[in-house]
Amino acid sequence: MLTLLFRSATRQACTVWLKNRVNHNYSVEVASRPDQAVVQPSDREALRTRILHLLATAPSKSISLPLANTLKAIVAHDYPSNWPSLGADLKKLLTSNNVQEVHAGCIASLEAVRAFRWVLGISLL
């Protein structure tokens, strides 16, 4: 029981660290901030390929919320130029027979909308 509690706390700490890292260092360019450790392109690609799966397999809300916030930051910076397959990935999740994947698709769709809701100067939500 105690081991399970530590695993959950460790997972939550890791997702919060990831959220903070992405929110503070994902969109920073090396030329503008040479003193700051930016997220490297290989790490960005790894995040884009795994974030939806992590969201679908999150065991609790305390883990899925920071992951959703991380996804929003990635979508706001990388879609559509660096992540053109996002629409197809979301459609795949939303049409899945697995309820966890459909739930992750709903969360991911909401975060994608939130990432761009103020772009045109109108509120979508």
C-alpha atoms as a PDB file:
ATOM      1  CA  MET A   1       0.000   0.000   0.000  1.00  0.00           C
ATOM      2  CA  LEU A   2       2.776   2.427   0.921  1.00  0.00           C
ATOM      3  CA  THR A   3       4.655   1.540  -2.265  1.00  0.00           C
ATOM      4  CA  LEU A   4       1.584   2.376  -4.339  1.00  0.00           C
ATOM      5  CA  LEU A   5       1.298   5.746  -2.608  1.00  0.00           C
ATOM      6  CA  PHE A   6       4.943   6.564  -3.361  1.00  0.00           C
ATOM      7  CA  ARG A   7       4.539   5.533  -6.996  1.00  0.00           C
ATOM      8  CA  SER A   8       1.522   7.804  -7.372  1.00  0.00           C
ATOM      9  CA  ALA A   9       3.305  10.717  -5.704  1.00  0.00           C
ATOM     10  CA  THR A  10       6.360  10.167  -7.888  1.00  0.00           C
ATOM     11  CA  ARG A  11       4.241  10.115 -11.051  1.00  0.00           C
ATOM     12  CA  GLN A  12       2.460  13.283 -10.005  1.00  0.00           C
ATOM     13  CA  ALA A  13       5.765  15.016  -9.232  1.00  0.00           C
ATOM     14  CA  CYS A  14       7.131  13.995 -12.636  1.00  0.00           C
ATOM     15  CA  THR A  15       4.093  15.297 -14.503  1.00  0.00           C
ATOM     16  CA  VAL A  16       4.206  18.606 -12.632  1.00  0.00           C
ATOM     17  CA  TRP A  17       7.932  18.912 -13.410  1.00  0.00           C
ATOM     18  CA  LEU A  18       7.228  18.172 -17.092  1.00  0.00           C
ATOM     19  CA  LYS A  19       4.427  20.764 -17.189  1.00  0.00           C
ATOM     20  CA  ASN A  20       6.679  23.421 -15.668  1.00  0.00           C
ATOM     21  CA  ARG A  21       9.575  22.542 -17.980  1.00  0.00           C
ATOM     22  CA  VAL A  22       7.396  22.774 -21.077  1.00  0.00           C
ATOM     23  CA  ASN A  23       5.626  25.957 -19.973  1.00  0.00           C
ATOM     24  CA  HIS A  24       8.894  27.761 -19.208  1.00  0.00           C
ATOM     25  CA  ASN A  25      11.338  26.383 -21.764  1.00  0.00           C
ATOM     26  CA  TYR A  26       9.480  24.889 -24.751  1.00  0.00           C
ATOM     27  CA  SER A  27       8.941  28.002 -26.821  1.00  0.00           C
ATOM     28  CA  VAL A  28      12.234  29.690 -25.910  1.00  0.00           C
ATOM     29  CA  GLU A  29      14.705  30.004 -28.772  1.00  0.00           C
ATOM     30  CA  VAL A  30      18.420  29.514 -28.115  1.00  0.00           C
ATOM     31  CA  ALA A  31      19.400  32.765 -29.832  1.00  0.00           C
ATOM     32  CA  SER A  32      17.152  34.882 -27.628  1.00  0.00           C
ATOM     33  CA  ARG A  33      18.012  33.202 -24.297  1.00  0.00           C
ATOM     34  CA  PRO A  34      21.436  31.489 -24.469  1.00  0.00           C
ATOM     35  CA  ASP A  35      21.551  31.164 -20.661  1.00  0.00           C
ATOM     36  CA  GLN A  36      18.319  29.143 -20.472  1.00  0.00           C
ATOM     37  CA  ALA A  37      18.155  25.374 -21.044  1.00  0.00           C
ATOM     38  CA  VAL A  38      15.676  24.992 -23.894  1.00  0.00           C
ATOM     39  CA  VAL A  39      13.839  21.801 -24.808  1.00  0.00           C
ATOM     40  CA  GLN A  40      15.818  20.211 -27.625  1.00  0.00           C
ATOM     41  CA  PRO A  41      14.117  19.282 -30.936  1.00  0.00           C
ATOM     42  CA  SER A  42      14.576  15.548 -30.291  1.00  0.00           C
ATOM     43  CA  ASP A  43      12.864  15.910 -26.917  1.00  0.00           C
ATOM     44  CA  ARG A  44      10.074  17.937 -28.519  1.00  0.00           C
ATOM     45  CA  GLU A  45       9.472  15.156 -31.025  1.00  0.00           C
ATOM     46  CA  ALA A  46       9.429  12.563 -28.240  1.00  0.00           C
ATOM     47  CA  LEU A  47       6.897  14.633 -26.313  1.00  0.00           C
ATOM     48  CA  ARG A  48       4.637  15.024 -29.345  1.00  0.00           C
ATOM     49  CA  THR A  49       4.676  11.295 -30.064  1.00  0.00           C
ATOM     50  CA  ARG A  50       4.005  10.168 -26.465  1.00  0.00           C
ATOM     51  CA  ILE A  51       1.883  12.844 -24.764  1.00  0.00           C
ATOM     52  CA  LEU A  52      -1.460  11.532 -26.031  1.00  0.00           C
ATOM     53  CA  HIS A  53      -0.632   7.983 -24.933  1.00  0.00           C
ATOM     54  CA  LEU A  54       0.446   9.252 -21.518  1.00  0.00           C
ATOM     55  CA  LEU A  55      -2.822  11.138 -21.224  1.00  0.00           C
ATOM     56  CA  ALA A  56      -4.819   8.028 -22.180  1.00  0.00           C
ATOM     57  CA  THR A  57      -3.045   5.868 -19.602  1.00  0.00           C
ATOM     58  CA  ALA A  58      -2.983   8.385 -16.742  1.00  0.00           C
ATOM     59  CA  PRO A  59      -4.217   6.565 -13.631  1.00  0.00           C
ATOM     60  CA  SER A  60      -5.684   9.610 -11.885  1.00  0.00           C
ATOM     61  CA  LYS A  61      -6.883  13.158 -12.378  1.00  0.00           C
ATOM     62  CA  SER A  62      -3.894  14.508 -10.431  1.00  0.00           C
ATOM     63  CA  ILE A  63      -1.690  13.134 -13.198  1.00  0.00           C
ATOM     64  CA  SER A  64      -3.899  13.882 -16.210  1.00  0.00           C
ATOM     65  CA  LEU A  65      -4.371  17.579 -15.363  1.00  0.00           C
ATOM     66  CA  PRO A  66      -0.678  18.532 -15.605  1.00  0.00           C
ATOM     67  CA  LEU A  67      -0.393  16.387 -18.744  1.00  0.00           C
ATOM     68  CA  ALA A  68      -3.340  18.231 -20.304  1.00  0.00           C
ATOM     69  CA  ASN A  69      -1.729  21.569 -19.492  1.00  0.00           C
ATOM     70  CA  THR A  70       1.520  20.327 -21.039  1.00  0.00           C
ATOM     71  CA  LEU A  71      -0.370  19.270 -24.157  1.00  0.00           C
ATOM     72  CA  LYS A  72      -1.938  22.729 -24.462  1.00  0.00           C
ATOM     73  CA  ALA A  73       1.480  24.395 -24.389  1.00  0.00           C
ATOM     74  CA  ILE A  74       2.856  21.997 -27.008  1.00  0.00           C
ATOM     75  CA  VAL A  75      -0.161  22.465 -29.284  1.00  0.00           C
ATOM     76  CA  ALA A  76       0.044  26.246 -28.977  1.00  0.00           C
ATOM     77  CA  HIS A  77       3.670  26.211 -30.075  1.00  0.00           C
ATOM     78  CA  ASP A  78       3.872  23.315 -32.553  1.00  0.00           C
ATOM     79  CA  TYR A  79       0.516  23.015 -34.298  1.00  0.00           C
ATOM     80  CA  PRO A  80       0.206  22.904 -37.324  1.00  0.00           C
ATOM     81  CA  SER A  81       3.755  23.418 -38.594  1.00  0.00           C
ATOM     82  CA  ASN A  82       5.558  20.849 -36.438  1.00  0.00           C
ATOM     83  CA  TRP A  83       2.623  18.578 -35.563  1.00  0.00           C
ATOM     84  CA  PRO A  84       0.449  18.196 -38.685  1.00  0.00           C
ATOM     85  CA  SER A  85      -0.830  14.768 -37.576  1.00  0.00           C
ATOM     86  CA  LEU A  86      -2.532  16.116 -34.438  1.00  0.00           C
ATOM     87  CA  GLY A  87      -6.004  16.142 -36.032  1.00  0.00           C
ATOM     88  CA  ALA A  88      -5.676  12.532 -37.164  1.00  0.00           C
ATOM     89  CA  ASP A  89      -4.292  11.523 -33.758  1.00  0.00           C
ATOM     90  CA  LEU A  90      -7.243  13.136 -31.983  1.00  0.00           C
ATOM     91  CA  LYS A  91      -9.717  11.504 -34.371  1.00  0.00           C
ATOM     92  CA  LYS A  92      -8.119   8.124 -33.703  1.00  0.00           C
ATOM     93  CA  LEU A  93      -8.533   8.603 -29.953  1.00  0.00           C
ATOM     94  CA  LEU A  94     -12.121   9.863 -30.241  1.00  0.00           C
ATOM     95  CA  THR A  95     -13.218   6.921 -32.422  1.00  0.00           C
ATOM     96  CA  SER A  96     -11.512   4.258 -30.319  1.00  0.00           C
ATOM     97  CA  ASN A  97     -13.415   1.440 -28.619  1.00  0.00           C
ATOM     98  CA  ASN A  98     -11.394   2.022 -25.443  1.00  0.00           C
ATOM     99  CA  VAL A  99     -13.162   4.409 -23.068  1.00  0.00           C
ATOM    100  CA  GLN A 100      -9.847   5.696 -21.654  1.00  0.00           C
ATOM    101  CA  GLU A 101      -8.674   6.664 -25.133  1.00  0.00           C
ATOM    102  CA  VAL A 102     -11.978   8.408 -25.897  1.00  0.00           C
ATOM    103  CA  HIS A 103     -11.680  10.321 -22.616  1.00  0.00           C
ATOM    104  CA  ALA A 104      -8.105  11.301 -23.496  1.00  0.00           C
ATOM    105  CA  GLY A 105      -9.304  12.395 -26.943  1.00  0.00           C
ATOM    106  CA  CYS A 106     -11.948  14.626 -25.357  1.00  0.00           C
ATOM    107  CA  ILE A 107      -9.422  16.188 -22.986  1.00  0.00           C
ATOM    108  CA  ALA A 108      -6.889  16.656 -25.789  1.00  0.00           C
ATOM    109  CA  SER A 109      -9.498  18.234 -28.077  1.00  0.00           C
ATOM    110  CA  LEU A 110     -10.524  20.648 -25.343  1.00  0.00           C
ATOM    111  CA  GLU A 111      -6.897  21.626 -24.691  1.00  0.00           C
ATOM    112  CA  ALA A 112      -6.301  22.146 -28.425  1.00  0.00           C
ATOM    113  CA  VAL A 113      -9.272  24.508 -28.539  1.00  0.00           C
ATOM    114  CA  ARG A 114      -8.051  26.284 -25.405  1.00  0.00           C
ATOM    115  CA  ALA A 115      -4.623  26.752 -26.961  1.00  0.00           C
ATOM    116  CA  PHE A 116      -6.115  28.870 -29.748  1.00  0.00           C
ATOM    117  CA  ARG A 117      -9.252  30.356 -28.241  1.00  0.00           C
ATOM    118  CA  TRP A 118      -7.932  33.936 -28.116  1.00  0.00           C
ATOM    119  CA  VAL A 119      -6.092  33.896 -31.462  1.00  0.00           C
ATOM    120  CA  LEU A 120      -8.924  35.470 -33.452  1.00  0.00           C
ATOM    121  CA  GLY A 121      -9.957  37.795 -30.641  1.00  0.00           C
ATOM    122  CA  ILE A 122     -13.125  35.867 -29.843  1.00  0.00           C
ATOM    123  CA  SER A 123     -13.805  33.402 -27.069  1.00  0.00           C
ATOM    124  CA  LEU A 124     -14.661  29.891 -28.233  1.00  0.00           C
ATOM    125  CA  LEU A 125     -15.500  28.701 -24.712  1.00  0.00           C
END
